[in-house]
Amino acid sequence: MMVGRNNGNWNFPEYDRLLEAGRATFDVAERRAIYHQLEQLINRDLPFLPMFNVQDVHGIHNRVQGIVWGITGPILPELVYIRR
């Protein structure tokens, strides 16, 4: 299953197996333990290293309504409208 970004082309079958196991279980304690193992693998291999965090500032006129914000900025443009 390809979801998200893997810009570094990190390939680790054990990680993939654990990720699928975590998605498959409804047991919260078991899922927590699996995700802890996933974090340990990432910390050990360090497939990526964030070097900075971009901060965006957006100015929007108060007549613009219906904006839904996501982590990358405004989403769902079909909900945006201008109040008269």
C-alpha atoms as a PDB file:
ATOM      1  CA  MET A   1       0.000   0.000   0.000  1.00  0.00           C
ATOM      2  CA  MET A   2       1.553   3.302  -1.086  1.00  0.00           C
ATOM      3  CA  VAL A   3       0.355   6.124   1.133  1.00  0.00           C
ATOM      4  CA  GLY A   4       2.086   9.362   2.035  1.00  0.00           C
ATOM      5  CA  ARG A   5       5.601  10.333   1.101  1.00  0.00           C
ATOM      6  CA  ASN A   6       8.726   8.245   0.990  1.00  0.00           C
ATOM      7  CA  ASN A   7      11.046  10.736  -0.679  1.00  0.00           C
ATOM      8  CA  GLY A   8      14.135   8.902   0.573  1.00  0.00           C
ATOM      9  CA  ASN A   9      12.912   5.570  -0.855  1.00  0.00           C
ATOM     10  CA  TRP A  10      13.419   3.925   2.528  1.00  0.00           C
ATOM     11  CA  ASN A  11      12.733   0.206   2.199  1.00  0.00           C
ATOM     12  CA  PHE A  12      12.463  -1.896   5.335  1.00  0.00           C
ATOM     13  CA  PRO A  13      10.238  -5.017   5.130  1.00  0.00           C
ATOM     14  CA  GLU A  14      10.145  -5.443   8.935  1.00  0.00           C
ATOM     15  CA  TYR A  15       8.754  -1.903   9.278  1.00  0.00           C
ATOM     16  CA  ASP A  16       6.128  -2.613   6.604  1.00  0.00           C
ATOM     17  CA  ARG A  17       5.121  -5.831   8.379  1.00  0.00           C
ATOM     18  CA  LEU A  18       4.765  -4.088  11.736  1.00  0.00           C
ATOM     19  CA  LEU A  19       2.845  -1.200  10.196  1.00  0.00           C
ATOM     20  CA  GLU A  20       0.310  -3.589   8.681  1.00  0.00           C
ATOM     21  CA  ALA A  21       0.045  -5.434  12.018  1.00  0.00           C
ATOM     22  CA  GLY A  22      -0.648  -2.145  13.813  1.00  0.00           C
ATOM     23  CA  ARG A  23      -3.339  -1.230  11.300  1.00  0.00           C
ATOM     24  CA  ALA A  24      -4.949  -4.666  11.616  1.00  0.00           C
ATOM     25  CA  THR A  25      -5.389  -4.812  15.390  1.00  0.00           C
ATOM     26  CA  PHE A  26      -8.178  -3.173  17.352  1.00  0.00           C
ATOM     27  CA  ASP A  27      -6.453  -3.875  20.674  1.00  0.00           C
ATOM     28  CA  VAL A  28      -5.166  -0.495  21.883  1.00  0.00           C
ATOM     29  CA  ALA A  29      -2.364  -1.924  24.043  1.00  0.00           C
ATOM     30  CA  GLU A  30      -1.157  -4.177  21.228  1.00  0.00           C
ATOM     31  CA  ARG A  31      -1.280  -1.310  18.726  1.00  0.00           C
ATOM     32  CA  ARG A  32       0.635   0.949  21.120  1.00  0.00           C
ATOM     33  CA  ALA A  33       3.347  -1.713  21.527  1.00  0.00           C
ATOM     34  CA  ILE A  34       3.617  -2.171  17.750  1.00  0.00           C
ATOM     35  CA  TYR A  35       3.843   1.566  17.101  1.00  0.00           C
ATOM     36  CA  HIS A  36       6.517   1.825  19.786  1.00  0.00           C
ATOM     37  CA  GLN A  37       8.529  -0.773  17.847  1.00  0.00           C
ATOM     38  CA  LEU A  38       8.005   1.261  14.668  1.00  0.00           C
ATOM     39  CA  GLU A  39       9.352   4.370  16.388  1.00  0.00           C
ATOM     40  CA  GLN A  40      12.400   2.435  17.567  1.00  0.00           C
ATOM     41  CA  LEU A  41      13.124   1.300  13.993  1.00  0.00           C
ATOM     42  CA  ILE A  42      12.844   4.869  12.698  1.00  0.00           C
ATOM     43  CA  ASN A  43      15.087   6.179  15.476  1.00  0.00           C
ATOM     44  CA  ARG A  44      17.651   3.468  14.786  1.00  0.00           C
ATOM     45  CA  ASP A  45      17.782   3.799  10.992  1.00  0.00           C
ATOM     46  CA  LEU A  46      16.960   7.526  10.839  1.00  0.00           C
ATOM     47  CA  PRO A  47      15.618   7.365   7.249  1.00  0.00           C
ATOM     48  CA  PHE A  48      14.983  11.114   7.317  1.00  0.00           C
ATOM     49  CA  LEU A  49      16.168  14.043   9.393  1.00  0.00           C
ATOM     50  CA  PRO A  50      13.946  17.132   9.512  1.00  0.00           C
ATOM     51  CA  MET A  51      16.182  20.176   9.279  1.00  0.00           C
ATOM     52  CA  PHE A  52      13.574  22.917   9.590  1.00  0.00           C
ATOM     53  CA  ASN A  53       9.891  23.604  10.128  1.00  0.00           C
ATOM     54  CA  VAL A  54       8.192  26.038   7.778  1.00  0.00           C
ATOM     55  CA  GLN A  55       5.881  28.557   9.426  1.00  0.00           C
ATOM     56  CA  ASP A  56       3.248  30.098   7.159  1.00  0.00           C
ATOM     57  CA  VAL A  57       1.185  33.198   7.824  1.00  0.00           C
ATOM     58  CA  HIS A  58      -2.027  33.720   5.868  1.00  0.00           C
ATOM     59  CA  GLY A  59      -4.063  36.920   5.761  1.00  0.00           C
ATOM     60  CA  ILE A  60      -7.685  36.578   4.713  1.00  0.00           C
ATOM     61  CA  HIS A  61     -10.299  39.305   4.422  1.00  0.00           C
ATOM     62  CA  ASN A  62     -13.112  38.851   6.961  1.00  0.00           C
ATOM     63  CA  ARG A  63     -15.659  38.576   4.115  1.00  0.00           C
ATOM     64  CA  VAL A  64     -14.048  35.315   2.964  1.00  0.00           C
ATOM     65  CA  GLN A  65     -15.870  32.509   4.767  1.00  0.00           C
ATOM     66  CA  GLY A  66     -15.901  28.695   4.833  1.00  0.00           C
ATOM     67  CA  ILE A  67     -12.167  28.110   4.728  1.00  0.00           C
ATOM     68  CA  VAL A  68     -11.121  24.723   6.103  1.00  0.00           C
ATOM     69  CA  TRP A  69      -7.477  24.578   7.173  1.00  0.00           C
ATOM     70  CA  GLY A  70      -5.258  21.515   6.861  1.00  0.00           C
ATOM     71  CA  ILE A  71      -1.622  21.059   7.781  1.00  0.00           C
ATOM     72  CA  THR A  72      -0.572  22.308   4.336  1.00  0.00           C
ATOM     73  CA  GLY A  73      -2.932  25.291   4.255  1.00  0.00           C
ATOM     74  CA  PRO A  74      -6.479  25.841   3.036  1.00  0.00           C
ATOM     75  CA  ILE A  75      -8.292  22.760   1.759  1.00  0.00           C
ATOM     76  CA  LEU A  76     -11.782  22.120   0.369  1.00  0.00           C
ATOM     77  CA  PRO A  77     -11.957  25.224  -1.850  1.00  0.00           C
ATOM     78  CA  GLU A  78     -15.493  24.285  -2.864  1.00  0.00           C
ATOM     79  CA  LEU A  79     -16.650  25.410   0.619  1.00  0.00           C
ATOM     80  CA  VAL A  80     -15.188  28.918   0.343  1.00  0.00           C
ATOM     81  CA  TYR A  81     -17.507  31.830  -0.330  1.00  0.00           C
ATOM     82  CA  ILE A  82     -17.509  35.619   0.003  1.00  0.00           C
ATOM     83  CA  ARG A  83     -19.992  37.128   2.434  1.00  0.00           C
ATOM     84  CA  ARG A  84     -21.720  40.244   1.107  1.00  0.00           C
END
